[in-house]
Amino acid sequence: MAKNPLDILRKGLQALKREVQTRKLSLEAKLEHALAKGGDDDIDDNADIKPCPTHHEVLQAVAIINRYLNHENNSLGWKLDALLSFSKSSLHLQESINMQPTCITSHFSSM
């Protein structure tokens, strides 16, 4: 005997409602747990965030290392020298990227 299409639809909707309710309760429980824990269970959540060193601090460090390299002649010195050369070129590249194009005459237009 053929089933009534409305009965099939009602049963399908009831099953869908139960599934939605189950997922909703599961998500609410996860949200409560996350809020109680302060967010993710990530280990780094409570780690101190250290600010990036300024260009001035980096250049001071480079000057100190350069003084060290002037007195040393070993493989560590050569590696540091290569690293410093790379850092220096990276700083110059970053500075040139941050530059704004301007016309020479724009400086004199305010006079």
PDB file of N, CA and C in Angstrom:
ATOM      1  N   MET A   1       0.838  -1.172   0.000  1.00  0.00           N
ATOM      2  CA  MET A   1       0.000   0.000   0.000  1.00  0.00           C
ATOM      3  C   MET A   1       0.887   1.241   0.000  1.00  0.00           C
ATOM      4  N   ALA A   2       0.578   2.206  -0.838  1.00  0.00           N
ATOM      5  CA  ALA A   2       1.361   3.433  -0.975  1.00  0.00           C
ATOM      6  C   ALA A   2       1.134   4.332   0.222  1.00  0.00           C
ATOM      7  N   LYS A   3       2.228   4.928   0.692  1.00  0.00           N
ATOM      8  CA  LYS A   3       2.131   5.834   1.833  1.00  0.00           C
ATOM      9  C   LYS A   3       1.724   7.215   1.358  1.00  0.00           C
ATOM     10  N   ASN A   4       1.092   7.918   2.247  1.00  0.00           N
ATOM     11  CA  ASN A   4       0.671   9.281   1.966  1.00  0.00           C
ATOM     12  C   ASN A   4       1.918  10.172   1.876  1.00  0.00           C
ATOM     13  N   PRO A   5       2.075  10.938   0.814  1.00  0.00           N
ATOM     14  CA  PRO A   5       3.242  11.811   0.672  1.00  0.00           C
ATOM     15  C   PRO A   5       3.357  12.832   1.801  1.00  0.00           C
ATOM     16  N   LEU A   6       2.241  13.269   2.342  1.00  0.00           N
ATOM     17  CA  LEU A   6       2.297  14.223   3.456  1.00  0.00           C
ATOM     18  C   LEU A   6       2.885  13.583   4.704  1.00  0.00           C
ATOM     19  N   ASP A   7       2.555  12.304   4.934  1.00  0.00           N
ATOM     20  CA  ASP A   7       3.125  11.601   6.087  1.00  0.00           C
ATOM     21  C   ASP A   7       4.638  11.449   5.933  1.00  0.00           C
ATOM     22  N   ILE A   8       5.052  11.135   4.729  1.00  0.00           N
ATOM     23  CA  ILE A   8       6.499  11.005   4.455  1.00  0.00           C
ATOM     24  C   ILE A   8       7.193  12.345   4.693  1.00  0.00           C
ATOM     25  N   LEU A   9       6.570  13.420   4.239  1.00  0.00           N
ATOM     26  CA  LEU A   9       7.130  14.758   4.401  1.00  0.00           C
ATOM     27  C   LEU A   9       7.189  15.138   5.872  1.00  0.00           C
ATOM     28  N   ARG A  10       6.127  14.849   6.633  1.00  0.00           N
ATOM     29  CA  ARG A  10       6.109  15.156   8.074  1.00  0.00           C
ATOM     30  C   ARG A  10       7.217  14.406   8.808  1.00  0.00           C
ATOM     31  N   LYS A  11       7.363  13.128   8.487  1.00  0.00           N
ATOM     32  CA  LYS A  11       8.414  12.337   9.139  1.00  0.00           C
ATOM     33  C   LYS A  11       9.799  12.879   8.804  1.00  0.00           C
ATOM     34  N   GLY A  12       9.970  13.273   7.544  1.00  0.00           N
ATOM     35  CA  GLY A  12      11.250  13.846   7.142  1.00  0.00           C
ATOM     36  C   GLY A  12      11.535  15.159   7.853  1.00  0.00           C
ATOM     37  N   LEU A  13      10.501  16.003   7.988  1.00  0.00           N
ATOM     38  CA  LEU A  13      10.668  17.278   8.691  1.00  0.00           C
ATOM     39  C   LEU A  13      10.945  17.066  10.175  1.00  0.00           C
ATOM     40  N   GLN A  14      10.282  16.085  10.775  1.00  0.00           N
ATOM     41  CA  GLN A  14      10.532  15.787  12.191  1.00  0.00           C
ATOM     42  C   GLN A  14      11.965  15.310  12.390  1.00  0.00           C
ATOM     43  N   ALA A  15      12.433  14.463  11.507  1.00  0.00           N
ATOM     44  CA  ALA A  15      13.815  13.982  11.603  1.00  0.00           C
ATOM     45  C   ALA A  15      14.793  15.140  11.414  1.00  0.00           C
ATOM     46  N   LEU A  16      14.482  16.022  10.490  1.00  0.00           N
ATOM     47  CA  LEU A  16      15.337  17.186  10.243  1.00  0.00           C
ATOM     48  C   LEU A  16      15.368  18.106  11.460  1.00  0.00           C
ATOM     49  N   LYS A  17      14.197  18.319  12.084  1.00  0.00           N
ATOM     50  CA  LYS A  17      14.124  19.157  13.290  1.00  0.00           C
ATOM     51  C   LYS A  17      14.976  18.559  14.415  1.00  0.00           C
ATOM     52  N   ARG A  18      14.882  17.236  14.588  1.00  0.00           N
ATOM     53  CA  ARG A  18      15.675  16.578  15.632  1.00  0.00           C
ATOM     54  C   ARG A  18      17.172  16.748  15.368  1.00  0.00           C
ATOM     55  N   GLU A  19      17.566  16.602  14.100  1.00  0.00           N
ATOM     56  CA  GLU A  19      18.975  16.746  13.733  1.00  0.00           C
ATOM     57  C   GLU A  19      19.458  18.173  13.983  1.00  0.00           C
ATOM     58  N   VAL A  20      18.635  19.142  13.602  1.00  0.00           N
ATOM     59  CA  VAL A  20      18.996  20.548  13.822  1.00  0.00           C
ATOM     60  C   VAL A  20      19.102  20.836  15.318  1.00  0.00           C
ATOM     61  N   GLN A  21      18.160  20.345  16.093  1.00  0.00           N
ATOM     62  CA  GLN A  21      18.180  20.568  17.531  1.00  0.00           C
ATOM     63  C   GLN A  21      19.413  19.923  18.175  1.00  0.00           C
ATOM     64  N   THR A  22      19.740  18.715  17.735  1.00  0.00           N
ATOM     65  CA  THR A  22      20.919  18.034  18.268  1.00  0.00           C
ATOM     66  C   THR A  22      22.184  18.814  17.955  1.00  0.00           C
ATOM     67  N   ARG A  23      22.327  19.278  16.733  1.00  0.00           N
ATOM     68  CA  ARG A  23      23.507  20.055  16.348  1.00  0.00           C
ATOM     69  C   ARG A  23      23.566  21.381  17.085  1.00  0.00           C
ATOM     70  N   LYS A  24      22.396  22.006  17.268  1.00  0.00           N
ATOM     71  CA  LYS A  24      22.347  23.284  17.981  1.00  0.00           C
ATOM     72  C   LYS A  24      22.824  23.100  19.414  1.00  0.00           C
ATOM     73  N   LEU A  25      22.324  22.061  20.085  1.00  0.00           N
ATOM     74  CA  LEU A  25      22.739  21.809  21.460  1.00  0.00           C
ATOM     75  C   LEU A  25      24.233  21.506  21.541  1.00  0.00           C
ATOM     76  N   SER A  26      24.730  20.767  20.574  1.00  0.00           N
ATOM     77  CA  SER A  26      26.155  20.445  20.539  1.00  0.00           C
ATOM     78  C   SER A  26      27.004  21.705  20.366  1.00  0.00           C
ATOM     79  N   LEU A  27      26.596  22.576  19.461  1.00  0.00           N
ATOM     80  CA  LEU A  27      27.335  23.823  19.245  1.00  0.00           C
ATOM     81  C   LEU A  27      27.255  24.749  20.448  1.00  0.00           C
ATOM     82  N   GLU A  28      26.099  24.801  21.094  1.00  0.00           N
ATOM     83  CA  GLU A  28      25.971  25.630  22.293  1.00  0.00           C
ATOM     84  C   GLU A  28      26.878  25.122  23.400  1.00  0.00           C
ATOM     85  N   ALA A  29      26.970  23.807  23.546  1.00  0.00           N
ATOM     86  CA  ALA A  29      27.857  23.229  24.565  1.00  0.00           C
ATOM     87  C   ALA A  29      29.313  23.551  24.246  1.00  0.00           C
ATOM     88  N   LYS A  30      29.690  23.460  22.970  1.00  0.00           N
ATOM     89  CA  LYS A  30      31.061  23.793  22.580  1.00  0.00           C
ATOM     90  C   LYS A  30      31.361  25.265  22.832  1.00  0.00           C
ATOM     91  N   LEU A  31      30.389  26.140  22.557  1.00  0.00           N
ATOM     92  CA  LEU A  31      30.574  27.566  22.784  1.00  0.00           C
ATOM     93  C   LEU A  31      30.741  27.855  24.269  1.00  0.00           C
ATOM     94  N   GLU A  32      29.907  27.252  25.103  1.00  0.00           N
ATOM     95  CA  GLU A  32      30.040  27.440  26.549  1.00  0.00           C
ATOM     96  C   GLU A  32      31.410  26.967  27.030  1.00  0.00           C
ATOM     97  N   HIS A  33      31.841  25.837  26.531  1.00  0.00           N
ATOM     98  CA  HIS A  33      33.152  25.300  26.921  1.00  0.00           C
ATOM     99  C   HIS A  33      34.270  26.246  26.482  1.00  0.00           C
ATOM    100  N   ALA A  34      34.158  26.762  25.271  1.00  0.00           N
ATOM    101  CA  ALA A  34      35.189  27.668  24.762  1.00  0.00           C
ATOM    102  C   ALA A  34      35.210  28.961  25.567  1.00  0.00           C
ATOM    103  N   LEU A  35      34.047  29.496  25.900  1.00  0.00           N
ATOM    104  CA  LEU A  35      33.993  30.726  26.685  1.00  0.00           C
ATOM    105  C   LEU A  35      34.534  30.509  28.088  1.00  0.00           C
ATOM    106  N   ALA A  36      34.245  29.345  28.676  1.00  0.00           N
ATOM    107  CA  ALA A  36      34.752  29.043  30.010  1.00  0.00           C
ATOM    108  C   ALA A  36      36.267  28.886  30.006  1.00  0.00           C
ATOM    109  N   LYS A  37      36.805  28.340  28.918  1.00  0.00           N
ATOM    110  CA  LYS A  37      38.246  28.122  28.804  1.00  0.00           C
ATOM    111  C   LYS A  37      38.983  29.357  28.304  1.00  0.00           C
ATOM    112  N   GLY A  38      38.258  30.352  27.838  1.00  0.00           N
ATOM    113  CA  GLY A  38      38.901  31.545  27.312  1.00  0.00           C
ATOM    114  C   GLY A  38      39.277  31.424  25.857  1.00  0.00           C
ATOM    115  N   GLY A  39      38.591  30.651  25.092  1.00  0.00           N
ATOM    116  CA  GLY A  39      38.879  30.522  23.668  1.00  0.00           C
ATOM    117  C   GLY A  39      39.347  29.131  23.326  1.00  0.00           C
ATOM    118  N   ASP A  40      40.246  29.034  22.366  1.00  0.00           N
ATOM    119  CA  ASP A  40      40.774  27.745  21.933  1.00  0.00           C
ATOM    120  C   ASP A  40      41.591  27.101  23.037  1.00  0.00           C
ATOM    121  N   ASP A  41      41.824  25.826  22.883  1.00  0.00           N
ATOM    122  CA  ASP A  41      42.690  25.108  23.813  1.00  0.00           C
ATOM    123  C   ASP A  41      44.135  25.196  23.365  1.00  0.00           C
ATOM    124  N   ASP A  42      44.459  26.248  22.669  1.00  0.00           N
ATOM    125  CA  ASP A  42      45.798  26.439  22.132  1.00  0.00           C
ATOM    126  C   ASP A  42      46.754  26.788  23.259  1.00  0.00           C
ATOM    127  N   ILE A  43      47.922  26.193  23.267  1.00  0.00           N
ATOM    128  CA  ILE A  43      48.909  26.422  24.313  1.00  0.00           C
ATOM    129  C   ILE A  43      49.406  27.865  24.297  1.00  0.00           C
ATOM    130  N   ASP A  44      49.499  28.468  23.117  1.00  0.00           N
ATOM    131  CA  ASP A  44      50.060  29.808  22.989  1.00  0.00           C
ATOM    132  C   ASP A  44      49.090  30.916  23.381  1.00  0.00           C
ATOM    133  N   ASP A  45      47.866  30.583  23.786  1.00  0.00           N
ATOM    134  CA  ASP A  45      46.906  31.621  24.128  1.00  0.00           C
ATOM    135  C   ASP A  45      47.390  32.510  25.270  1.00  0.00           C
ATOM    136  N   ASN A  46      48.075  31.928  26.234  1.00  0.00           N
ATOM    137  CA  ASN A  46      48.504  32.687  27.401  1.00  0.00           C
ATOM    138  C   ASN A  46      49.936  33.201  27.273  1.00  0.00           C
ATOM    139  N   ALA A  47      50.560  32.999  26.130  1.00  0.00           N
ATOM    140  CA  ALA A  47      51.934  33.448  25.942  1.00  0.00           C
ATOM    141  C   ALA A  47      51.962  34.968  25.799  1.00  0.00           C
ATOM    142  N   ASP A  48      53.021  35.561  26.343  1.00  0.00           N
ATOM    143  CA  ASP A  48      53.196  36.999  26.202  1.00  0.00           C
ATOM    144  C   ASP A  48      53.518  37.333  24.757  1.00  0.00           C
ATOM    145  N   ILE A  49      52.904  38.387  24.267  1.00  0.00           N
ATOM    146  CA  ILE A  49      53.161  38.832  22.909  1.00  0.00           C
ATOM    147  C   ILE A  49      54.249  39.883  22.970  1.00  0.00           C
ATOM    148  N   LYS A  50      55.365  39.576  22.343  1.00  0.00           N
ATOM    149  CA  LYS A  50      56.480  40.512  22.338  1.00  0.00           C
ATOM    150  C   LYS A  50      56.389  41.370  21.085  1.00  0.00           C
ATOM    151  N   PRO A  51      56.514  42.680  21.249  1.00  0.00           N
ATOM    152  CA  PRO A  51      56.451  43.538  20.064  1.00  0.00           C
ATOM    153  C   PRO A  51      57.676  43.336  19.180  1.00  0.00           C
ATOM    154  N   CYS A  52      57.499  43.580  17.915  1.00  0.00           N
ATOM    155  CA  CYS A  52      58.589  43.473  16.961  1.00  0.00           C
ATOM    156  C   CYS A  52      59.627  44.546  17.273  1.00  0.00           C
ATOM    157  N   PRO A  53      60.906  44.226  17.214  1.00  0.00           N
ATOM    158  CA  PRO A  53      61.918  45.250  17.492  1.00  0.00           C
ATOM    159  C   PRO A  53      61.872  46.369  16.455  1.00  0.00           C
ATOM    160  N   THR A  54      62.192  47.557  16.909  1.00  0.00           N
ATOM    161  CA  THR A  54      62.198  48.701  16.008  1.00  0.00           C
ATOM    162  C   THR A  54      63.443  48.650  15.127  1.00  0.00           C
ATOM    163  N   HIS A  55      63.442  49.462  14.063  1.00  0.00           N
ATOM    164  CA  HIS A  55      64.625  49.525  13.194  1.00  0.00           C
ATOM    165  C   HIS A  55      65.847  49.967  13.997  1.00  0.00           C
ATOM    166  N   HIS A  56      65.641  50.886  14.926  1.00  0.00           N
ATOM    167  CA  HIS A  56      66.750  51.394  15.737  1.00  0.00           C
ATOM    168  C   HIS A  56      67.367  50.265  16.567  1.00  0.00           C
ATOM    169  N   GLU A  57      66.521  49.441  17.201  1.00  0.00           N
ATOM    170  CA  GLU A  57      67.022  48.327  18.004  1.00  0.00           C
ATOM    171  C   GLU A  57      67.766  47.308  17.144  1.00  0.00           C
ATOM    172  N   VAL A  58      67.246  47.052  15.960  1.00  0.00           N
ATOM    173  CA  VAL A  58      67.902  46.110  15.052  1.00  0.00           C
ATOM    174  C   VAL A  58      69.270  46.648  14.633  1.00  0.00           C
ATOM    175  N   LEU A  59      69.316  47.926  14.292  1.00  0.00           N
ATOM    176  CA  LEU A  59      70.595  48.511  13.872  1.00  0.00           C
ATOM    177  C   LEU A  59      71.604  48.541  15.020  1.00  0.00           C
ATOM    178  N   GLN A  60      71.143  48.745  16.250  1.00  0.00           N
ATOM    179  CA  GLN A  60      72.038  48.674  17.400  1.00  0.00           C
ATOM    180  C   GLN A  60      72.615  47.268  17.542  1.00  0.00           C
ATOM    181  N   ALA A  61      71.762  46.262  17.382  1.00  0.00           N
ATOM    182  CA  ALA A  61      72.230  44.881  17.473  1.00  0.00           C
ATOM    183  C   ALA A  61      73.237  44.579  16.373  1.00  0.00           C
ATOM    184  N   VAL A  62      72.987  45.084  15.178  1.00  0.00           N
ATOM    185  CA  VAL A  62      73.901  44.876  14.060  1.00  0.00           C
ATOM    186  C   VAL A  62      75.249  45.518  14.358  1.00  0.00           C
ATOM    187  N   ALA A  63      75.233  46.710  14.950  1.00  0.00           N
ATOM    188  CA  ALA A  63      76.491  47.383  15.283  1.00  0.00           C
ATOM    189  C   ALA A  63      77.293  46.583  16.302  1.00  0.00           C
ATOM    190  N   ILE A  64      76.632  46.024  17.285  1.00  0.00           N
ATOM    191  CA  ILE A  64      77.325  45.216  18.300  1.00  0.00           C
ATOM    192  C   ILE A  64      77.912  43.959  17.664  1.00  0.00           C
ATOM    193  N   ILE A  65      77.146  43.307  16.815  1.00  0.00           N
ATOM    194  CA  ILE A  65      77.638  42.086  16.164  1.00  0.00           C
ATOM    195  C   ILE A  65      78.785  42.410  15.216  1.00  0.00           C
ATOM    196  N   ASN A  66      78.705  43.539  14.531  1.00  0.00           N
ATOM    197  CA  ASN A  66      79.809  43.946  13.648  1.00  0.00           C
ATOM    198  C   ASN A  66      81.094  44.163  14.428  1.00  0.00           C
ATOM    199  N   ARG A  67      80.977  44.764  15.612  1.00  0.00           N
ATOM    200  CA  ARG A  67      82.179  44.932  16.458  1.00  0.00           C
ATOM    201  C   ARG A  67      82.758  43.574  16.840  1.00  0.00           C
ATOM    202  N   TYR A  68      81.876  42.610  17.132  1.00  0.00           N
ATOM    203  CA  TYR A  68      82.331  41.258  17.458  1.00  0.00           C
ATOM    204  C   TYR A  68      83.037  40.632  16.262  1.00  0.00           C
ATOM    205  N   LEU A  69      82.437  40.802  15.084  1.00  0.00           N
ATOM    206  CA  LEU A  69      83.005  40.187  13.883  1.00  0.00           C
ATOM    207  C   LEU A  69      84.369  40.771  13.533  1.00  0.00           C
ATOM    208  N   ASN A  70      84.621  42.020  13.877  1.00  0.00           N
ATOM    209  CA  ASN A  70      85.917  42.634  13.590  1.00  0.00           C
ATOM    210  C   ASN A  70      87.047  41.958  14.368  1.00  0.00           C
ATOM    211  N   HIS A  71      86.701  41.314  15.487  1.00  0.00           N
ATOM    212  CA  HIS A  71      87.717  40.662  16.319  1.00  0.00           C
ATOM    213  C   HIS A  71      87.763  39.152  16.131  1.00  0.00           C
ATOM    214  N   GLU A  72      86.812  38.592  15.441  1.00  0.00           N
ATOM    215  CA  GLU A  72      86.753  37.141  15.255  1.00  0.00           C
ATOM    216  C   GLU A  72      86.956  36.788  13.786  1.00  0.00           C
ATOM    217  N   ASN A  73      87.573  35.638  13.570  1.00  0.00           N
ATOM    218  CA  ASN A  73      87.753  35.144  12.205  1.00  0.00           C
ATOM    219  C   ASN A  73      87.491  33.641  12.205  1.00  0.00           C
ATOM    220  N   ASN A  74      86.217  33.279  12.302  1.00  0.00           N
ATOM    221  CA  ASN A  74      85.852  31.860  12.317  1.00  0.00           C
ATOM    222  C   ASN A  74      84.558  31.657  11.537  1.00  0.00           C
ATOM    223  N   SER A  75      84.104  30.423  11.471  1.00  0.00           N
ATOM    224  CA  SER A  75      82.918  30.123  10.664  1.00  0.00           C
ATOM    225  C   SER A  75      81.672  30.800  11.229  1.00  0.00           C
ATOM    226  N   LEU A  76      81.588  30.925  12.552  1.00  0.00           N
ATOM    227  CA  LEU A  76      80.441  31.620  13.135  1.00  0.00           C
ATOM    228  C   LEU A  76      80.440  33.080  12.689  1.00  0.00           C
ATOM    229  N   GLY A  77      81.587  33.672  12.658  1.00  0.00           N
ATOM    230  CA  GLY A  77      81.703  35.053  12.210  1.00  0.00           C
ATOM    231  C   GLY A  77      81.265  35.208  10.764  1.00  0.00           C
ATOM    232  N   TRP A  78      81.653  34.259   9.933  1.00  0.00           N
ATOM    233  CA  TRP A  78      81.268  34.326   8.512  1.00  0.00           C
ATOM    234  C   TRP A  78      79.759  34.162   8.343  1.00  0.00           C
ATOM    235  N   LYS A  79      79.175  33.250   9.133  1.00  0.00           N
ATOM    236  CA  LYS A  79      77.729  33.048   9.060  1.00  0.00           C
ATOM    237  C   LYS A  79      76.984  34.300   9.518  1.00  0.00           C
ATOM    238  N   LEU A  80      77.471  34.887  10.609  1.00  0.00           N
ATOM    239  CA  LEU A  80      76.839  36.110  11.094  1.00  0.00           C
ATOM    240  C   LEU A  80      76.982  37.247  10.093  1.00  0.00           C
ATOM    241  N   ASP A  81      78.142  37.314   9.459  1.00  0.00           N
ATOM    242  CA  ASP A  81      78.365  38.357   8.461  1.00  0.00           C
ATOM    243  C   ASP A  81      77.367  38.213   7.299  1.00  0.00           C
ATOM    244  N   ALA A  82      77.169  36.989   6.841  1.00  0.00           N
ATOM    245  CA  ALA A  82      76.206  36.752   5.756  1.00  0.00           C
ATOM    246  C   ALA A  82      74.791  37.104   6.207  1.00  0.00           C
ATOM    247  N   LEU A  83      74.453  36.732   7.436  1.00  0.00           N
ATOM    248  CA  LEU A  83      73.126  37.036   7.965  1.00  0.00           C
ATOM    249  C   LEU A  83      72.915  38.541   8.078  1.00  0.00           C
ATOM    250  N   LEU A  84      73.932  39.244   8.534  1.00  0.00           N
ATOM    251  CA  LEU A  84      73.821  40.693   8.656  1.00  0.00           C
ATOM    252  C   LEU A  84      73.689  41.364   7.297  1.00  0.00           C
ATOM    253  N   SER A  85      74.404  40.866   6.331  1.00  0.00           N
ATOM    254  CA  SER A  85      74.296  41.429   4.979  1.00  0.00           C
ATOM    255  C   SER A  85      72.891  41.249   4.439  1.00  0.00           C
ATOM    256  N   PHE A  86      72.327  40.083   4.670  1.00  0.00           N
ATOM    257  CA  PHE A  86      70.962  39.826   4.229  1.00  0.00           C
ATOM    258  C   PHE A  86      69.982  40.734   4.967  1.00  0.00           C
ATOM    259  N   SER A  87      70.166  40.876   6.286  1.00  0.00           N
ATOM    260  CA  SER A  87      69.277  41.724   7.077  1.00  0.00           C
ATOM    261  C   SER A  87      69.353  43.168   6.611  1.00  0.00           C
ATOM    262  N   LYS A  88      70.561  43.620   6.322  1.00  0.00           N
ATOM    263  CA  LYS A  88      70.742  45.001   5.870  1.00  0.00           C
ATOM    264  C   LYS A  88      70.015  45.231   4.546  1.00  0.00           C
ATOM    265  N   SER A  89      70.164  44.299   3.620  1.00  0.00           N
ATOM    266  CA  SER A  89      69.488  44.476   2.327  1.00  0.00           C
ATOM    267  C   SER A  89      67.969  44.388   2.496  1.00  0.00           C
ATOM    268  N   SER A  90      67.495  43.561   3.419  1.00  0.00           N
ATOM    269  CA  SER A  90      66.055  43.465   3.673  1.00  0.00           C
ATOM    270  C   SER A  90      65.512  44.770   4.248  1.00  0.00           C
ATOM    271  N   LEU A  91      66.286  45.380   5.158  1.00  0.00           N
ATOM    272  CA  LEU A  91      65.858  46.655   5.734  1.00  0.00           C
ATOM    273  C   LEU A  91      65.793  47.739   4.661  1.00  0.00           C
ATOM    274  N   HIS A  92      66.799  47.775   3.791  1.00  0.00           N
ATOM    275  CA  HIS A  92      66.802  48.774   2.728  1.00  0.00           C
ATOM    276  C   HIS A  92      65.639  48.549   1.761  1.00  0.00           C
ATOM    277  N   LEU A  93      65.357  47.287   1.472  1.00  0.00           N
ATOM    278  CA  LEU A  93      64.246  46.973   0.586  1.00  0.00           C
ATOM    279  C   LEU A  93      62.933  47.420   1.213  1.00  0.00           C
ATOM    280  N   GLN A  94      62.757  47.144   2.508  1.00  0.00           N
ATOM    281  CA  GLN A  94      61.531  47.538   3.197  1.00  0.00           C
ATOM    282  C   GLN A  94      61.391  49.051   3.216  1.00  0.00           C
ATOM    283  N   GLU A  95      62.489  49.771   3.427  1.00  0.00           N
ATOM    284  CA  GLU A  95      62.432  51.228   3.419  1.00  0.00           C
ATOM    285  C   GLU A  95      62.038  51.754   2.044  1.00  0.00           C
ATOM    286  N   SER A  96      62.590  51.182   0.998  1.00  0.00           N
ATOM    287  CA  SER A  96      62.265  51.670  -0.337  1.00  0.00           C
ATOM    288  C   SER A  96      60.831  51.317  -0.732  1.00  0.00           C
ATOM    289  N   ILE A  97      60.312  50.211  -0.228  1.00  0.00           N
ATOM    290  CA  ILE A  97      58.909  49.861  -0.490  1.00  0.00           C
ATOM    291  C   ILE A  97      57.988  50.870   0.185  1.00  0.00           C
ATOM    292  N   ASN A  98      58.369  51.328   1.389  1.00  0.00           N
ATOM    293  CA  ASN A  98      57.531  52.256   2.142  1.00  0.00           C
ATOM    294  C   ASN A  98      57.621  53.693   1.646  1.00  0.00           C
ATOM    295  N   MET A  99      58.540  53.986   0.746  1.00  0.00           N
ATOM    296  CA  MET A  99      58.683  55.352   0.241  1.00  0.00           C
ATOM    297  C   MET A  99      57.490  55.732  -0.623  1.00  0.00           C
ATOM    298  N   GLN A 100      57.147  57.006  -0.557  1.00  0.00           N
ATOM    299  CA  GLN A 100      56.050  57.538  -1.344  1.00  0.00           C
ATOM    300  C   GLN A 100      56.608  58.308  -2.534  1.00  0.00           C
ATOM    301  N   PRO A 101      56.091  58.076  -3.738  1.00  0.00           N
ATOM    302  CA  PRO A 101      56.581  58.830  -4.888  1.00  0.00           C
ATOM    303  C   PRO A 101      56.161  60.296  -4.785  1.00  0.00           C
ATOM    304  N   THR A 102      57.041  61.162  -5.187  1.00  0.00           N
ATOM    305  CA  THR A 102      56.741  62.583  -5.150  1.00  0.00           C
ATOM    306  C   THR A 102      57.488  63.295  -6.271  1.00  0.00           C
ATOM    307  N   CYS A 103      57.038  64.450  -6.606  1.00  0.00           N
ATOM    308  CA  CYS A 103      57.717  65.269  -7.599  1.00  0.00           C
ATOM    309  C   CYS A 103      58.676  66.215  -6.887  1.00  0.00           C
ATOM    310  N   ILE A 104      59.773  66.530  -7.504  1.00  0.00           N
ATOM    311  CA  ILE A 104      60.739  67.438  -6.910  1.00  0.00           C
ATOM    312  C   ILE A 104      60.113  68.813  -6.720  1.00  0.00           C
ATOM    313  N   THR A 105      59.285  69.207  -7.635  1.00  0.00           N
ATOM    314  CA  THR A 105      58.701  70.549  -7.566  1.00  0.00           C
ATOM    315  C   THR A 105      57.633  70.659  -6.469  1.00  0.00           C
ATOM    316  N   SER A 106      57.113  69.571  -5.956  1.00  0.00           N
ATOM    317  CA  SER A 106      56.073  69.643  -4.919  1.00  0.00           C
ATOM    318  C   SER A 106      56.627  70.236  -3.628  1.00  0.00           C
ATOM    319  N   HIS A 107      57.920  70.094  -3.379  1.00  0.00           N
ATOM    320  CA  HIS A 107      58.520  70.673  -2.174  1.00  0.00           C
ATOM    321  C   HIS A 107      58.534  72.201  -2.269  1.00  0.00           C
ATOM    322  N   PHE A 108      58.758  72.735  -3.448  1.00  0.00           N
ATOM    323  CA  PHE A 108      58.889  74.170  -3.604  1.00  0.00           C
ATOM    324  C   PHE A 108      57.557  74.876  -3.856  1.00  0.00           C
ATOM    325  N   SER A 109      56.508  74.123  -4.066  1.00  0.00           N
ATOM    326  CA  SER A 109      55.223  74.763  -4.360  1.00  0.00           C
ATOM    327  C   SER A 109      54.638  75.476  -3.148  1.00  0.00           C
ATOM    328  N   SER A 110      55.012  75.093  -1.952  1.00  0.00           N
ATOM    329  CA  SER A 110      54.474  75.729  -0.739  1.00  0.00           C
ATOM    330  C   SER A 110      55.167  77.050  -0.427  1.00  0.00           C
ATOM    331  N   MET A 111      56.271  77.354  -1.105  1.00  0.00           N
ATOM    332  CA  MET A 111      57.008  78.584  -0.807  1.00  0.00           C
ATOM    333  C   MET A 111      56.473  79.758  -1.536  1.00  0.00           C
TER     334      MET A 111
END
